[in-house]
Amino acid sequence: MAESAAQELLTRFSEQQLAGFFLVLCRLTPLFIMAPLFSSKLVPARVRGIIAVALAVGLSPVVVGTATIPTAPAELGALIFKELLIGFGFTFVIAALFAAVTVAGTFLDTLIGFSYGSLIDPINGTQTTVLSQFYSMLAILIFIAIGGDAWVIEGMARTYDVVGILQMPDLNGIIAGADAAFVNIFAAAVEIAGPVMLALILSDVAFGMVSRLAPQLNVFVIGFPVKIIVGLALIGVSLPFFGTWLADEVQISVSQALMALKLA
């Protein structure tokens, strides 16, 4: 029964429709490998697969249209590789933004002293520190609150306006976009953690001067809890600015990812 039902379902779709569906699915797949929220380990793999297939089913009739997709193995393989390349190029720019958030948390963990302890990040499934995990989870919450998932899906759909399903992208443009996103990771991390980092560095300078003036005072015993209080207080004050910054940067990242895609 199951085999006959599957065969009946396949007969309702033409060879062109199936090829178009798999090509669209290939472009969407990197979202569920690298993109924030979509690639979260908190979402079961089966659920992510169902969402990817559902998006591909919805997009394929629109983006394929009346295009004639070649079904020869070599030509179809080249199109699959091209679709994966476009998907990874688009997704990498957005993933780099959230990597910057994680790096900012790591900077603060090192300066405050939380890097001595580590936890398992439930979102990425990797070992991370306290503030790095805090910033990552907060970024995901803000991403959901501002509708970032809808922006990313809409941006992925618009990639077909730039590079159609049968068109070839400019490889140099994709590489340049990925390179710019990678270089911007540390600059964005400094923007996020900069004020807190500056305050903590000034705190270290102040404790260094105190240790020179009063050598008998155990600066390490006093300095560690003071740095924690100062760091957490400034992080709390800067969180509203972080939310605004992230909302703007998500829109900018989607725009930059689209601009990186060009026709060959």
Protein backbone atom coordinates (compact mmCIF):
# COMPACT_ATOMS: atom_id res chain seq x y z
CA MET A 1 0.00 0.00 0.00
CA ALA A 2 2.74 2.41 0.97
CA GLU A 3 4.70 1.70 -2.22
CA SER A 4 1.65 2.13 -4.44
CA ALA A 5 0.76 5.39 -2.69
CA ALA A 6 4.31 6.68 -3.21
CA GLN A 7 4.24 5.70 -6.89
CA GLU A 8 0.88 7.41 -7.36
CA LEU A 9 2.24 10.55 -5.72
CA LEU A 10 5.28 10.56 -7.99
CA THR A 11 3.17 10.15 -11.09
CA ARG A 12 1.35 13.38 -10.26
CA PHE A 13 4.58 15.33 -10.54
CA SER A 14 6.51 15.77 -13.72
CA GLU A 15 10.23 15.24 -14.01
CA GLN A 16 10.70 19.02 -14.29
CA GLN A 17 8.72 19.68 -11.10
CA LEU A 18 10.75 17.15 -9.12
CA ALA A 19 14.04 18.55 -10.43
CA GLY A 20 12.94 22.09 -9.57
CA PHE A 21 11.86 21.01 -6.09
CA PHE A 22 15.24 19.41 -5.33
CA LEU A 23 17.13 22.43 -6.66
CA VAL A 24 15.13 24.77 -4.42
CA LEU A 25 15.66 22.40 -1.49
CA CYS A 26 19.41 22.50 -2.12
CA ARG A 27 19.43 26.30 -1.89
CA LEU A 28 17.40 26.20 1.34
CA THR A 29 19.44 23.46 3.01
CA PRO A 30 22.30 25.73 4.22
CA LEU A 31 19.75 27.70 6.27
CA PHE A 32 19.26 24.62 8.43
CA ILE A 33 22.99 24.01 8.71
CA MET A 34 24.39 27.48 9.55
CA ALA A 35 21.65 30.06 10.02
CA PRO A 36 20.68 31.18 13.55
CA LEU A 37 17.54 29.55 14.98
CA PHE A 38 17.06 27.39 11.86
CA SER A 39 20.17 25.32 12.69
CA SER A 40 19.57 25.22 16.45
CA LYS A 41 20.14 21.85 18.08
CA LEU A 42 17.07 22.60 20.23
CA VAL A 43 14.95 21.97 17.12
CA PRO A 44 14.86 18.23 16.27
CA ALA A 45 16.41 17.29 12.94
CA ARG A 46 13.11 15.81 11.75
CA VAL A 47 11.31 19.10 12.39
CA ARG A 48 14.01 21.04 10.53
CA GLY A 49 13.71 18.64 7.63
CA ILE A 50 9.93 19.05 7.49
CA ILE A 51 10.25 22.85 7.53
CA ALA A 52 12.86 22.75 4.74
CA VAL A 53 10.66 20.52 2.57
CA ALA A 54 7.60 22.70 3.24
CA LEU A 55 9.49 25.85 2.20
CA ALA A 56 10.78 24.11 -0.92
CA VAL A 57 7.27 22.96 -1.84
CA GLY A 58 5.99 26.52 -1.46
CA LEU A 59 8.82 28.19 -3.38
CA SER A 60 9.46 25.75 -6.21
CA PRO A 61 6.32 26.46 -8.29
CA VAL A 62 7.03 30.19 -8.10
CA VAL A 63 10.75 30.20 -8.83
CA VAL A 64 10.77 27.44 -11.43
CA GLY A 65 7.77 28.66 -13.42
CA THR A 66 8.07 27.67 -17.05
CA ALA A 67 11.84 27.15 -16.95
CA THR A 68 13.13 23.98 -18.56
CA ILE A 69 15.52 22.32 -16.15
CA PRO A 70 18.12 20.02 -17.71
CA THR A 71 17.92 16.49 -16.34
CA ALA A 72 21.23 15.16 -17.66
CA PRO A 73 23.35 14.03 -14.67
CA ALA A 74 26.27 16.37 -15.38
CA GLU A 75 24.13 19.47 -15.95
CA LEU A 76 21.83 18.71 -13.01
CA GLY A 77 24.84 18.10 -10.77
CA ALA A 78 26.29 21.48 -11.74
CA LEU A 79 22.98 23.16 -10.90
CA ILE A 80 22.83 21.40 -7.52
CA PHE A 81 26.36 22.57 -6.71
CA LYS A 82 25.43 26.10 -7.78
CA GLU A 83 22.33 26.11 -5.59
CA LEU A 84 24.30 24.91 -2.57
CA LEU A 85 26.94 27.57 -3.21
CA ILE A 86 24.33 30.35 -3.32
CA GLY A 87 22.65 29.03 -0.17
CA PHE A 88 25.91 28.86 1.77
CA GLY A 89 27.00 32.28 0.51
CA PHE A 90 23.75 33.89 1.65
CA THR A 91 23.62 32.04 4.99
CA PHE A 92 27.26 32.64 5.89
CA VAL A 93 26.79 36.42 6.03
CA ILE A 94 23.93 36.07 8.53
CA ALA A 95 25.70 33.38 10.55
CA ALA A 96 28.77 35.64 10.83
CA LEU A 97 26.66 38.26 12.63
CA PHE A 98 25.68 35.80 15.35
CA ALA A 99 29.24 34.52 15.52
CA ALA A 100 30.23 38.11 16.38
CA VAL A 101 27.75 38.04 19.27
CA THR A 102 29.36 34.86 20.60
CA VAL A 103 32.85 36.36 20.24
CA ALA A 104 31.73 39.46 22.17
CA GLY A 105 30.56 37.26 25.03
CA THR A 106 33.87 35.39 24.96
CA PHE A 107 35.80 38.68 25.22
CA LEU A 108 33.80 39.66 28.32
CA ASP A 109 34.16 36.19 29.87
CA THR A 110 37.93 36.50 29.56
CA LEU A 111 38.11 39.98 31.07
CA ILE A 112 35.69 39.32 33.93
CA GLY A 113 37.12 35.91 34.72
CA PHE A 114 34.22 33.66 33.81
CA SER A 115 36.37 31.84 31.25
CA TYR A 116 37.65 29.63 34.09
CA GLY A 117 34.32 27.82 33.96
CA SER A 118 32.57 26.48 30.90
CA LEU A 119 29.18 25.10 29.97
CA ILE A 120 27.65 23.26 27.06
CA ASP A 121 25.78 25.60 24.76
CA PRO A 122 22.39 23.96 24.06
CA ILE A 123 21.91 26.04 20.90
CA ASN A 124 25.15 25.16 19.11
CA GLY A 125 25.99 21.98 21.01
CA THR A 126 29.54 23.18 21.73
CA GLN A 127 31.49 24.02 24.86
CA THR A 128 31.19 27.67 25.74
CA THR A 129 31.43 30.11 28.66
CA VAL A 130 28.74 31.83 30.72
CA LEU A 131 28.44 35.23 29.04
CA SER A 132 29.03 33.79 25.58
CA GLN A 133 26.06 31.49 26.10
CA PHE A 134 24.02 34.33 27.60
CA TYR A 135 24.63 36.62 24.62
CA SER A 136 23.93 33.80 22.14
CA MET A 137 20.58 32.92 23.72
CA LEU A 138 19.63 36.59 24.10
CA ALA A 139 20.44 37.19 20.43
CA ILE A 140 18.17 34.29 19.43
CA LEU A 141 15.34 35.68 21.58
CA ILE A 142 15.73 39.12 20.00
CA PHE A 143 15.93 37.49 16.56
CA ILE A 144 12.58 35.79 17.17
CA ALA A 145 10.99 38.90 18.71
CA ILE A 146 11.83 41.15 15.74
CA GLY A 147 10.71 38.56 13.18
CA GLY A 148 14.23 37.88 11.96
CA ASP A 149 13.27 34.40 10.80
CA ALA A 150 10.74 35.91 8.39
CA TRP A 151 13.37 38.38 7.12
CA VAL A 152 15.81 35.54 6.46
CA ILE A 153 13.22 33.43 4.60
CA GLU A 154 12.13 36.46 2.57
CA GLY A 155 15.77 37.25 1.81
CA MET A 156 16.37 33.69 0.66
CA ALA A 157 13.31 33.92 -1.61
CA ARG A 158 14.66 37.16 -3.08
CA THR A 159 17.92 35.45 -4.04
CA TYR A 160 15.98 34.06 -7.00
CA ASP A 161 15.38 37.63 -8.19
CA VAL A 162 19.16 38.11 -8.27
CA VAL A 163 20.26 34.68 -9.51
CA GLY A 164 17.55 32.60 -11.14
CA ILE A 165 17.36 28.85 -10.88
CA LEU A 166 19.08 28.38 -14.25
CA GLN A 167 21.51 31.31 -13.96
CA MET A 168 25.07 31.12 -12.69
CA PRO A 169 26.33 33.46 -9.94
CA ASP A 170 29.54 35.45 -9.91
CA LEU A 171 31.90 33.39 -7.77
CA ASN A 172 34.08 36.41 -7.02
CA GLY A 173 31.08 38.29 -5.63
CA ILE A 174 30.18 35.41 -3.28
CA ILE A 175 33.78 35.11 -2.07
CA ALA A 176 34.03 38.88 -1.53
CA GLY A 177 30.78 38.90 0.46
CA ALA A 178 31.89 35.99 2.65
CA ASP A 179 35.30 37.62 3.17
CA ALA A 180 33.72 40.93 4.23
CA ALA A 181 31.39 39.14 6.65
CA PHE A 182 34.29 37.19 8.17
CA VAL A 183 36.43 40.30 8.61
CA ASN A 184 33.50 42.11 10.24
CA ILE A 185 33.09 39.46 12.96
CA PHE A 186 35.70 40.93 15.30
CA ALA A 187 34.75 44.53 14.53
CA ALA A 188 31.11 43.78 15.38
CA ALA A 189 32.19 41.93 18.54
CA VAL A 190 34.10 45.00 19.70
CA GLU A 191 31.03 47.17 19.00
CA ILE A 192 28.93 44.94 21.24
CA ALA A 193 31.40 44.46 24.09
CA GLY A 194 33.45 47.68 23.67
CA PRO A 195 31.98 49.82 26.50
CA VAL A 196 32.13 46.97 29.02
CA MET A 197 35.62 46.01 27.89
CA LEU A 198 36.83 49.59 28.33
CA ALA A 199 35.39 49.78 31.84
CA LEU A 200 37.00 46.47 32.81
CA ILE A 201 40.37 47.53 31.42
CA LEU A 202 40.18 50.77 33.39
CA SER A 203 39.31 48.71 36.47
CA ASP A 204 42.46 46.63 35.95
CA VAL A 205 44.52 49.81 35.57
CA ALA A 206 43.03 51.18 38.78
CA PHE A 207 43.78 48.00 40.71
CA GLY A 208 47.30 48.01 39.29
CA MET A 209 47.85 51.52 40.65
CA VAL A 210 46.42 50.49 44.03
CA SER A 211 48.76 47.51 44.20
CA ARG A 212 51.71 49.83 43.60
CA LEU A 213 50.60 52.28 46.28
CA ALA A 214 49.64 49.63 48.83
CA PRO A 215 51.61 46.42 48.11
CA GLN A 216 50.33 44.81 51.30
CA LEU A 217 46.78 44.87 49.95
CA ASN A 218 45.73 41.66 48.24
CA VAL A 219 44.37 43.13 45.01
CA PHE A 220 43.40 39.77 43.54
CA VAL A 221 41.03 39.01 46.40
CA ILE A 222 39.33 42.40 46.08
CA GLY A 223 39.60 42.86 42.32
CA PHE A 224 37.87 39.69 41.21
CA PRO A 225 34.46 40.33 42.82
CA VAL A 226 34.64 44.04 41.95
CA LYS A 227 35.24 43.23 38.27
CA ILE A 228 32.27 40.87 38.31
CA ILE A 229 30.00 43.54 39.82
CA VAL A 230 31.21 46.23 37.41
CA GLY A 231 31.00 43.93 34.38
CA LEU A 232 27.51 42.61 35.12
CA ALA A 233 26.20 46.09 35.95
CA LEU A 234 27.46 47.53 32.67
CA ILE A 235 26.18 44.53 30.71
CA GLY A 236 22.73 45.13 32.19
CA VAL A 237 22.86 48.80 31.24
CA SER A 238 24.00 48.06 27.67
CA LEU A 239 21.42 45.34 26.87
CA PRO A 240 18.77 47.75 25.46
CA PHE A 241 21.38 49.16 23.06
CA PHE A 242 22.40 45.61 22.11
CA GLY A 243 18.81 44.77 21.14
CA THR A 244 18.53 47.83 18.89
CA TRP A 245 21.94 47.15 17.36
CA LEU A 246 21.09 43.53 16.59
CA ALA A 247 17.75 44.42 14.98
CA ASP A 248 19.49 46.86 12.64
CA GLU A 249 22.35 44.50 11.87
CA VAL A 250 20.05 41.61 10.94
CA GLN A 251 18.41 43.75 8.27
CA ILE A 252 21.81 44.99 7.07
CA SER A 253 23.19 41.42 6.94
CA VAL A 254 20.28 40.20 4.81
CA SER A 255 20.79 43.15 2.44
CA GLN A 256 24.55 42.54 2.25
CA ALA A 257 23.98 38.84 1.59
CA LEU A 258 21.72 39.72 -1.34
CA MET A 259 24.17 42.30 -2.70
CA ALA A 260 26.97 39.73 -2.62
CA LEU A 261 25.04 37.62 -5.15
CA LYS A 262 25.61 38.70 -8.75
CA LEU A 263 25.21 37.11 -12.11
CA ALA A 264 28.34 35.76 -13.76
